[in-house]
Amino acid sequence: MSLPTAFKSLLARNLQRQAERKRLRGPASLHYTISEHIDDLNPEVWDALTANTSWLLSRHYLKAMESALPDNLWPRYAIIRDADGKPLVAMMMQLATLRLQQTHSADVHRSAAVLTETIDKITPGQRILICGNMLTFGQHGLAFAEYADPEQAWHGVAEVLYRVRRAEKLTGSTHFMMIKDLHAPWQDSAARLTHLSYRLLETEPNMVLTLDPAWKTWEDYLASLQSKYRSNVRNGILKPLDDAGCELVSLPDLSGEAERIHALYKMVQINADFRPFELDAGYFPALQQTAGKLLRASGIRRNGELLGFIVTLKDGDTAIAWHIGFDRQAADQGLPLYLRLLHAAIADALALGCKELSFGRTALEPKAALGAKPQEFSVLIRHRQPILNKVIKHLLLGMEHDEAPERNPFKKSASSTDAKS
C-alpha cells in the first residue's frame, strides 16, 4: 500500500470516529424517565423489561435494598423509550462516594497508602455514578428489550448517565462514570461507547463452575473428582475441621446471629483490595427475608460458636456464591474455613437446582481447583479528571490482575456413580 493510500485510509477512519463521537454526544431521539425510587416508575413496564433477566433487577429486591444500602450508596433508576414511547431499556444505577483509602487492603505497602491519603486530601470523596450494583458481581444494571436496537439502546444508556451526572451537580460533582461487570455478549455491543471517551478495562475474571446434571448432591460432585483432588478435600479440608470439632450447618435465620455474621464479614472485608462500602448488621437478615427460598446460608460452628458463613443466591439457572465471612484468627491457626465454605456453596447450588455456580472474582487458584473456569469481565469507565485517571484506574479497578490458572480436577469420564476411593 502506498503512503498516500495509507494516509487516506487513516484519515477516513479518523473522520468516521469523529462523526460517531459527534453523533453519540448529541441527543438521541429517545424519551427518559429517571427516578430515585423504583416505586416511582411504571411497574408493568419495568417488570416487562426485566422479566427474563436477573432477580437482582426485580422491583421486589430493589425496593427492599433501598432501605438496606450502605450510607455511601444511593440508587437511581431509568426507563428508556423510543420516539413512539415503546420501552427499550431498564437501568439500575448507584451513586457512590469513595475515598481512595477504601481501595487498598489493611496490609498494603505504606507508600501506596501515603499516595491515596494525599489524593484524598486534594479531592476528598471521589464520587462515582455506576450503572450496575456495587453489592453484586455481574451485569445487574441493564435490561434491553429483545427488539431494541443495540446501537440506539447504548446511545440512550450514555445519555441517561450524562443526564443523571448533570442533575446531581447540586449535591456535588461526579468524578467518573462506570458501567460494571460486562461479559459476553454485552462487551461487544458496549464497546461503541469508547467513542465517548469511555475506556473498556478488563478486570479479574468471574470464576464459574458448571454443575453436571448427574450431580444431585455435594457427595456426587466429590465422587466426580480425580483421586488426588478428592483426597485433598478429605485430608486437607474435612479432616482438620472434623478434628477441631467443627461442623457444617444450615443457617435458616440470620437475624438471630446478625451481629456475629456482620463481624465475620468485616474480618474478610478488612483485607480486601477494594472496599467501596461496608454493609451493616441488618443487611444480611433483610436480604434473607427478601430472597426467601432463593437464598441458602450455610455456616461452620465449633462448640456452638459460628466461625464462618456463606450466602448463596439462586438467580435463574445460576447460583451466586455471594457474601462470605469467617474468623481470621481461627483460619490463621490452620482451619480451612474458606475452602470448606466454597464447597458448602456447591452443595447449596445443587440444592437450589442451578446449572452453574458463580464464585466471583479473587482467589482464582482455589476456585480453579474446584473446577471453575474464568468468565471474562470488563468495565467501561469515563473519568472527569484525566490526570487522576491512571491512579484511580490502578487502585480502583486492579488493572494488573492475575490470570486464572488452568485446572481440571475431574475424572476423564466423571460420573456421580463412580466408586469413591
Protein backbone atom coordinates (compact mmCIF):
# COMPACT_ATOMS: atom_id res chain seq x y z
CA MET A 1 0.00 0.00 0.00
CA SER A 2 1.45 3.38 -0.97
CA LEU A 3 1.86 6.10 1.64
CA PRO A 4 -0.84 8.38 0.18
CA THR A 5 -3.32 5.49 0.15
CA ALA A 6 -2.44 4.54 3.73
CA PHE A 7 -2.77 8.15 4.80
CA LYS A 8 -6.17 8.42 3.13
CA SER A 9 -7.32 5.25 4.89
CA LEU A 10 -6.15 6.58 8.26
CA LEU A 11 -7.83 9.92 7.62
CA ALA A 12 -11.08 8.19 6.67
CA ARG A 13 -11.05 6.15 9.88
CA ASN A 14 -10.40 9.25 11.98
CA LEU A 15 -13.23 11.11 10.28
CA GLN A 16 -15.52 8.15 10.87
CA ARG A 17 -14.61 8.07 14.57
CA GLN A 18 -15.18 11.81 14.86
CA ALA A 19 -18.57 11.50 13.19
CA GLU A 20 -19.58 8.67 15.53
CA ARG A 21 -18.38 10.62 18.56
CA LYS A 22 -20.36 13.68 17.42
CA ARG A 23 -23.47 11.55 16.93
CA LEU A 24 -23.19 9.95 20.36
CA ARG A 25 -22.56 13.30 22.04
CA GLY A 26 -25.76 14.65 20.54
CA PRO A 27 -29.24 13.93 21.91
CA ALA A 28 -30.82 10.63 20.96
CA SER A 29 -34.40 10.53 19.69
CA LEU A 30 -35.46 8.81 22.89
CA HIS A 31 -37.56 9.52 25.97
CA TYR A 32 -36.35 9.04 29.55
CA THR A 33 -37.98 8.53 32.92
CA ILE A 34 -35.45 8.83 35.75
CA SER A 35 -36.17 8.35 39.45
CA GLU A 36 -34.59 7.94 42.87
CA HIS A 37 -37.11 5.25 43.87
CA ILE A 38 -38.17 2.15 41.98
CA ASP A 39 -41.80 2.66 43.03
CA ASP A 40 -41.92 5.92 41.07
CA LEU A 41 -41.51 4.09 37.75
CA ASN A 42 -44.23 2.27 35.83
CA PRO A 43 -44.22 -1.21 37.42
CA GLU A 44 -45.66 -3.00 34.38
CA VAL A 45 -43.03 -1.53 32.08
CA TRP A 46 -40.15 -2.32 34.45
CA ASP A 47 -41.39 -5.88 35.00
CA ALA A 48 -41.78 -6.48 31.26
CA LEU A 49 -38.25 -5.28 30.50
CA THR A 50 -36.62 -7.27 33.32
CA ALA A 51 -38.80 -10.40 33.19
CA ASN A 52 -36.16 -12.63 31.59
CA THR A 53 -33.12 -11.13 33.28
CA SER A 54 -31.75 -11.26 36.81
CA TRP A 55 -33.74 -11.39 40.05
CA LEU A 56 -31.34 -8.66 41.14
CA LEU A 57 -33.19 -6.33 38.75
CA SER A 58 -36.60 -7.22 40.18
CA ARG A 59 -38.63 -4.46 41.84
CA HIS A 60 -39.03 -6.69 44.91
CA TYR A 61 -35.28 -6.82 45.50
CA LEU A 62 -34.56 -3.21 44.52
CA LYS A 63 -37.27 -1.80 46.78
CA ALA A 64 -36.07 -3.84 49.75
CA MET A 65 -32.46 -2.78 49.23
CA GLU A 66 -33.33 0.93 49.16
CA SER A 67 -33.59 0.82 52.95
CA ALA A 68 -30.62 -1.54 53.41
CA LEU A 69 -27.94 0.08 51.24
CA PRO A 70 -24.72 1.36 52.84
CA ASP A 71 -24.63 5.03 53.76
CA ASN A 72 -22.42 5.95 50.79
CA LEU A 73 -24.65 4.40 48.09
CA TRP A 74 -27.80 5.97 46.61
CA PRO A 75 -29.92 4.25 43.93
CA ARG A 76 -31.16 5.75 40.69
CA TYR A 77 -33.37 4.12 38.07
CA ALA A 78 -34.38 4.86 34.49
CA ILE A 79 -36.63 3.59 31.73
CA ILE A 80 -35.68 4.47 28.16
CA ARG A 81 -38.35 4.59 25.46
CA ASP A 82 -38.10 5.15 21.72
CA ALA A 83 -39.68 8.09 19.89
CA ASP A 84 -43.01 6.26 19.80
CA GLY A 85 -42.97 5.55 23.54
CA LYS A 86 -42.05 1.87 23.22
CA PRO A 87 -39.91 0.70 26.19
CA LEU A 88 -36.35 -0.20 25.24
CA VAL A 89 -34.15 -0.30 28.35
CA ALA A 90 -34.42 -0.59 32.13
CA MET A 91 -31.44 0.87 34.02
CA MET A 92 -30.38 0.47 37.62
CA MET A 93 -27.68 2.90 38.80
CA GLN A 94 -25.95 3.83 42.03
CA LEU A 95 -24.21 7.00 43.14
CA ALA A 96 -21.30 6.26 45.44
CA THR A 97 -18.87 8.42 47.38
CA LEU A 98 -15.49 6.78 47.96
CA ARG A 99 -12.21 7.75 49.47
CA LEU A 100 -9.22 6.16 47.77
CA GLN A 101 -8.16 4.75 51.14
CA GLN A 102 -11.08 2.34 50.66
CA THR A 103 -9.34 0.85 47.64
CA HIS A 104 -6.45 -0.98 49.30
CA SER A 105 -6.18 -3.65 51.96
CA ALA A 106 -5.02 -3.18 55.52
CA ASP A 107 -1.56 -4.62 54.76
CA VAL A 108 -0.89 -2.51 51.66
CA HIS A 109 2.58 -1.02 51.29
CA ARG A 110 2.88 2.26 53.18
CA SER A 111 3.93 4.21 50.05
CA ALA A 112 0.63 3.35 48.36
CA ALA A 113 -1.26 4.35 51.48
CA VAL A 114 0.52 7.72 51.59
CA LEU A 115 -0.31 8.30 47.92
CA THR A 116 -4.01 7.64 48.40
CA GLU A 117 -4.12 9.76 51.55
CA THR A 118 -2.57 12.65 49.60
CA ILE A 119 -5.06 12.34 46.74
CA ASP A 120 -7.93 12.17 49.23
CA LYS A 121 -6.79 15.50 50.66
CA ILE A 122 -6.66 17.07 47.18
CA THR A 123 -10.00 15.65 46.00
CA PRO A 124 -11.85 14.35 49.07
CA GLY A 125 -14.62 11.88 48.38
CA GLN A 126 -14.39 10.54 44.85
CA ARG A 127 -17.98 10.49 43.56
CA ILE A 128 -18.91 7.73 41.12
CA LEU A 129 -22.01 7.10 39.07
CA ILE A 130 -22.28 3.37 38.43
CA CYS A 131 -24.57 1.59 36.03
CA GLY A 132 -24.90 -1.65 37.97
CA ASN A 133 -24.98 -2.90 41.53
CA MET A 134 -21.92 -2.43 43.74
CA LEU A 135 -23.21 -5.09 46.12
CA THR A 136 -23.01 -7.82 43.48
CA PHE A 137 -20.69 -9.10 40.79
CA GLY A 138 -22.15 -9.46 37.32
CA GLN A 139 -24.18 -7.38 34.88
CA HIS A 140 -27.12 -6.35 37.06
CA GLY A 141 -27.64 -2.81 35.81
CA LEU A 142 -29.23 -3.14 32.38
CA ALA A 143 -32.11 -4.95 30.71
CA PHE A 144 -32.66 -4.45 26.98
CA ALA A 145 -35.93 -5.32 25.27
CA GLU A 146 -35.50 -8.17 22.78
CA TYR A 147 -36.49 -5.86 19.93
CA ALA A 148 -34.18 -3.00 20.98
CA ASP A 149 -31.51 -1.91 18.52
CA PRO A 150 -28.21 -2.16 20.47
CA GLU A 151 -26.77 0.98 18.88
CA GLN A 152 -29.83 3.02 19.85
CA ALA A 153 -30.05 1.43 23.30
CA TRP A 154 -26.42 2.15 24.21
CA HIS A 155 -26.80 5.72 22.96
CA GLY A 156 -29.68 6.03 25.41
CA VAL A 157 -27.67 4.50 28.26
CA ALA A 158 -24.87 7.02 27.72
CA GLU A 159 -27.36 9.89 27.67
CA VAL A 160 -29.06 8.75 30.88
CA LEU A 161 -25.71 8.61 32.66
CA TYR A 162 -24.91 12.10 31.37
CA ARG A 163 -28.29 13.46 32.49
CA VAL A 164 -28.03 11.92 35.96
CA ARG A 165 -24.48 13.20 36.39
CA ARG A 166 -25.55 16.72 35.42
CA ALA A 167 -28.63 16.64 37.63
CA GLU A 168 -26.59 15.54 40.63
CA LYS A 169 -24.25 18.55 40.42
CA LEU A 170 -26.47 20.24 43.00
CA THR A 171 -25.23 17.73 45.59
CA GLY A 172 -21.64 17.52 44.35
CA SER A 173 -19.58 16.80 41.25
CA THR A 174 -19.43 13.25 39.94
CA HIS A 175 -15.81 12.36 39.25
CA PHE A 176 -16.34 9.42 36.94
CA MET A 177 -18.94 7.09 35.50
CA MET A 178 -18.71 3.33 35.27
CA ILE A 179 -20.72 0.55 33.64
CA LYS A 180 -19.71 -2.52 35.58
CA ASP A 181 -19.16 -6.20 35.05
CA LEU A 182 -19.80 -6.55 31.36
CA HIS A 183 -19.40 -10.03 29.93
CA ALA A 184 -20.33 -11.70 26.65
CA PRO A 185 -22.45 -10.73 24.77
CA TRP A 186 -22.59 -7.28 26.44
CA GLN A 187 -18.92 -6.45 25.88
CA ASP A 188 -19.06 -6.28 22.09
CA SER A 189 -22.15 -4.09 21.87
CA ALA A 190 -20.97 -1.81 24.70
CA ALA A 191 -17.62 -1.15 23.01
CA ARG A 192 -19.27 1.54 20.86
CA LEU A 193 -19.17 3.84 23.92
CA THR A 194 -15.41 4.09 23.54
CA HIS A 195 -16.26 6.82 21.01
CA LEU A 196 -17.45 8.85 24.03
CA SER A 197 -14.11 8.53 25.87
CA TYR A 198 -15.26 5.52 27.87
CA ARG A 199 -12.44 3.05 28.39
CA LEU A 200 -13.12 -0.68 28.29
CA LEU A 201 -11.00 -2.22 31.03
CA GLU A 202 -10.64 -5.90 31.80
CA THR A 203 -10.93 -6.88 35.46
CA GLU A 204 -10.30 -10.15 37.23
CA PRO A 205 -12.50 -12.87 35.75
CA ASN A 206 -15.59 -14.30 37.34
CA MET A 207 -14.97 -17.95 38.21
CA VAL A 208 -17.87 -20.17 37.16
CA LEU A 209 -18.39 -23.85 37.93
CA THR A 210 -20.65 -25.76 35.54
CA LEU A 211 -22.82 -28.13 37.56
CA ASP A 212 -23.08 -31.57 35.98
CA PRO A 213 -26.73 -32.70 35.73
CA ALA A 214 -25.58 -36.01 37.22
CA TRP A 215 -24.67 -34.25 40.47
CA LYS A 216 -27.65 -34.31 42.79
CA THR A 217 -25.66 -33.73 45.98
CA TRP A 218 -22.24 -32.47 47.02
CA GLU A 219 -21.18 -36.10 47.51
CA ASP A 220 -21.85 -36.66 43.80
CA TYR A 221 -19.61 -33.72 42.98
CA LEU A 222 -16.89 -35.09 45.26
CA ALA A 223 -17.10 -38.50 43.59
CA SER A 224 -16.53 -36.90 40.18
CA LEU A 225 -13.11 -35.55 41.20
CA GLN A 226 -9.82 -37.19 40.37
CA SER A 227 -8.37 -39.15 43.26
CA LYS A 228 -5.74 -36.58 44.23
CA TYR A 229 -8.26 -33.74 44.32
CA ARG A 230 -10.73 -35.83 46.28
CA SER A 231 -8.00 -36.78 48.76
CA ASN A 232 -7.07 -33.11 49.13
CA VAL A 233 -10.67 -32.31 50.06
CA ARG A 234 -10.93 -35.14 52.55
CA ASN A 235 -7.50 -34.80 54.15
CA GLY A 236 -6.84 -31.11 53.67
CA ILE A 237 -10.29 -29.68 54.38
CA LEU A 238 -12.72 -32.11 56.00
CA LYS A 239 -10.32 -33.87 58.40
CA PRO A 240 -8.78 -30.75 60.01
CA LEU A 241 -12.25 -29.35 60.65
CA ASP A 242 -13.56 -32.65 61.99
CA ASP A 243 -10.53 -32.97 64.28
CA ALA A 244 -11.17 -29.45 65.58
CA GLY A 245 -14.79 -30.26 66.39
CA CYS A 246 -16.26 -28.12 63.61
CA GLU A 247 -19.49 -28.91 61.82
CA LEU A 248 -21.22 -27.55 58.73
CA VAL A 249 -24.71 -26.24 59.50
CA SER A 250 -27.61 -24.57 57.74
CA LEU A 251 -28.44 -21.00 58.80
CA PRO A 252 -32.18 -20.61 58.19
CA ASP A 253 -32.49 -17.45 60.31
CA LEU A 254 -29.66 -14.93 60.05
CA SER A 255 -31.45 -12.39 62.22
CA GLY A 256 -30.63 -14.32 65.39
CA GLU A 257 -26.89 -14.01 64.75
CA ALA A 258 -26.79 -10.77 62.79
CA GLU A 259 -24.01 -9.18 64.86
CA ARG A 260 -21.74 -12.24 64.68
CA ILE A 261 -22.32 -12.62 60.94
CA HIS A 262 -21.51 -8.95 60.46
CA ALA A 263 -18.31 -9.33 62.48
CA LEU A 264 -17.21 -12.32 60.36
CA TYR A 265 -17.99 -10.40 57.19
CA LYS A 266 -15.82 -7.47 58.37
CA MET A 267 -12.91 -9.82 59.12
CA VAL A 268 -12.80 -10.70 55.42
CA GLN A 269 -13.54 -7.21 54.11
CA ILE A 270 -10.69 -5.57 56.01
CA ASN A 271 -8.16 -7.47 53.86
CA ALA A 272 -9.91 -6.84 50.55
CA ASP A 273 -8.09 -4.70 47.98
CA PHE A 274 -11.32 -2.91 47.12
CA ARG A 275 -13.72 -1.90 49.91
CA PRO A 276 -16.17 0.56 48.36
CA PHE A 277 -18.73 0.21 51.15
CA GLU A 278 -19.47 -1.51 54.43
CA LEU A 279 -22.71 -3.37 54.96
CA ASP A 280 -24.37 -3.03 58.34
CA ALA A 281 -25.58 -5.86 60.57
CA GLY A 282 -29.18 -5.52 59.41
CA TYR A 283 -28.35 -6.13 55.76
CA PHE A 284 -27.96 -9.91 55.90
CA PRO A 285 -31.31 -10.68 57.59
CA ALA A 286 -33.00 -8.22 55.22
CA LEU A 287 -31.50 -9.98 52.21
CA GLN A 288 -32.56 -13.39 53.51
CA GLN A 289 -36.10 -12.21 54.14
CA THR A 290 -36.33 -10.60 50.69
CA ALA A 291 -34.90 -13.55 48.75
CA GLY A 292 -36.85 -16.20 50.65
CA LYS A 293 -36.42 -19.66 49.09
CA LEU A 294 -34.00 -18.28 46.51
CA LEU A 295 -31.32 -17.96 49.19
CA ARG A 296 -29.45 -20.54 51.23
CA ALA A 297 -26.99 -19.73 54.01
CA SER A 298 -24.51 -22.23 55.41
CA GLY A 299 -22.13 -21.88 58.33
CA ILE A 300 -19.36 -23.59 60.26
CA ARG A 301 -19.72 -23.96 64.02
CA ARG A 302 -17.34 -25.08 66.74
CA ASN A 303 -18.80 -25.66 70.19
CA GLY A 304 -21.80 -23.59 69.15
CA GLU A 305 -19.73 -20.61 68.01
CA LEU A 306 -20.16 -19.52 64.40
CA LEU A 307 -16.74 -19.43 62.70
CA GLY A 308 -17.84 -18.75 59.15
CA PHE A 309 -20.77 -18.34 56.79
CA ILE A 310 -21.57 -18.16 53.08
CA VAL A 311 -24.71 -16.90 51.36
CA THR A 312 -25.71 -18.45 48.02
CA LEU A 313 -28.46 -16.98 45.84
CA LYS A 314 -30.43 -18.67 43.06
CA ASP A 315 -30.63 -16.25 40.12
CA GLY A 316 -32.38 -18.18 37.36
CA ASP A 317 -30.20 -21.15 36.41
CA THR A 318 -27.16 -19.54 38.05
CA ALA A 319 -26.27 -19.77 41.71
CA ILE A 320 -24.20 -16.90 43.08
CA ALA A 321 -21.80 -17.64 45.93
CA TRP A 322 -22.32 -14.13 47.22
CA HIS A 323 -21.38 -12.99 50.72
CA ILE A 324 -18.78 -14.79 52.80
CA GLY A 325 -17.21 -14.21 56.19
CA PHE A 326 -15.01 -16.23 58.51
CA ASP A 327 -12.94 -15.95 61.66
CA ARG A 328 -9.48 -14.82 60.57
CA GLN A 329 -7.80 -15.91 63.79
CA ALA A 330 -9.19 -19.43 63.52
CA ALA A 331 -8.16 -19.59 59.87
CA ASP A 332 -4.64 -18.40 60.72
CA GLN A 333 -4.43 -21.26 63.20
CA GLY A 334 -4.88 -23.75 60.37
CA LEU A 335 -8.61 -24.24 59.98
CA PRO A 336 -9.51 -24.30 56.24
CA LEU A 337 -12.71 -22.33 56.75
CA TYR A 338 -12.68 -20.53 53.41
CA LEU A 339 -12.25 -23.69 51.35
CA ARG A 340 -14.95 -25.53 53.29
CA LEU A 341 -17.36 -22.66 52.70
CA LEU A 342 -16.69 -22.79 48.95
CA HIS A 343 -17.65 -26.46 49.00
CA ALA A 344 -20.75 -25.57 51.01
CA ALA A 345 -21.75 -23.20 48.21
CA ILE A 346 -21.55 -26.09 45.74
CA ALA A 347 -23.90 -28.12 47.92
CA ASP A 348 -26.30 -25.20 48.22
CA ALA A 349 -26.20 -24.51 44.46
CA LEU A 350 -27.15 -28.12 43.78
CA ALA A 351 -29.93 -27.97 46.36
CA LEU A 352 -31.25 -24.85 44.63
CA GLY A 353 -31.43 -26.73 41.33
CA CYS A 354 -28.99 -24.50 39.44
CA LYS A 355 -26.93 -25.31 36.36
CA GLU A 356 -23.86 -23.25 37.22
CA LEU A 357 -22.25 -21.61 40.23
CA SER A 358 -20.70 -18.16 40.01
CA PHE A 359 -17.90 -17.73 42.56
CA GLY A 360 -16.98 -14.17 41.62
CA ARG A 361 -13.53 -12.65 41.40
CA THR A 362 -10.39 -13.14 43.53
CA ALA A 363 -8.87 -16.34 44.96
CA LEU A 364 -8.58 -17.71 41.43
CA GLU A 365 -6.38 -20.69 42.32
CA PRO A 366 -8.66 -22.41 44.88
CA LYS A 367 -11.71 -21.77 42.72
CA ALA A 368 -9.97 -23.25 39.68
CA ALA A 369 -9.11 -26.31 41.79
CA LEU A 370 -12.84 -26.77 42.34
CA GLY A 371 -13.33 -26.96 38.58
CA ALA A 372 -14.42 -23.36 38.00
CA LYS A 373 -13.48 -21.68 34.72
CA PRO A 374 -12.88 -17.96 34.10
CA GLN A 375 -15.60 -15.77 32.60
CA GLU A 376 -14.13 -12.55 31.25
CA PHE A 377 -15.39 -9.41 32.98
CA SER A 378 -14.85 -5.81 31.87
CA VAL A 379 -15.97 -2.38 32.96
CA LEU A 380 -16.49 0.80 30.96
CA ILE A 381 -15.17 3.87 32.74
CA ARG A 382 -15.13 7.57 31.89
CA HIS A 383 -13.25 9.89 34.22
CA ARG A 384 -13.83 13.62 34.57
CA GLN A 385 -10.20 14.33 35.52
CA PRO A 386 -7.77 12.59 33.12
CA ILE A 387 -4.77 13.43 35.33
CA LEU A 388 -6.09 11.18 38.10
CA ASN A 389 -7.36 8.52 35.72
CA LYS A 390 -4.23 6.34 35.81
CA VAL A 391 -4.01 6.41 39.60
CA ILE A 392 -7.66 5.59 40.15
CA LYS A 393 -7.66 3.02 37.36
CA HIS A 394 -4.83 1.13 39.07
CA LEU A 395 -6.09 1.42 42.63
CA LEU A 396 -9.80 1.02 41.99
CA LEU A 397 -10.01 -1.45 39.15
CA GLY A 398 -6.98 -3.64 39.82
CA MET A 399 -5.66 -3.49 36.29
CA GLU A 400 -2.71 -5.78 36.99
CA HIS A 401 -4.84 -8.76 37.89
CA ASP A 402 -3.83 -12.41 37.89
CA GLU A 403 -4.91 -14.80 35.18
CA ALA A 404 -6.97 -17.80 36.23
CA PRO A 405 -4.86 -20.99 36.26
CA GLU A 406 -5.83 -23.96 34.10
CA ARG A 407 -7.13 -26.80 36.26
CA ASN A 408 -9.21 -29.88 35.52
CA PRO A 409 -9.94 -31.72 38.76
CA PHE A 410 -12.49 -34.06 37.22
CA LYS A 411 -12.11 -37.62 36.03
CA LYS A 412 -11.98 -38.10 32.28
CA SER A 413 -15.45 -39.62 32.38
CA ALA A 414 -16.75 -38.16 35.64
CA SER A 415 -19.86 -39.81 36.97
CA SER A 416 -21.76 -39.47 40.16
CA THR A 417 -21.93 -43.26 40.31
CA ASP A 418 -18.16 -43.75 40.36
CA ALA A 419 -16.90 -45.57 43.41
CA LYS A 420 -15.26 -43.37 45.98
CA SER A 421 -11.65 -44.14 46.69
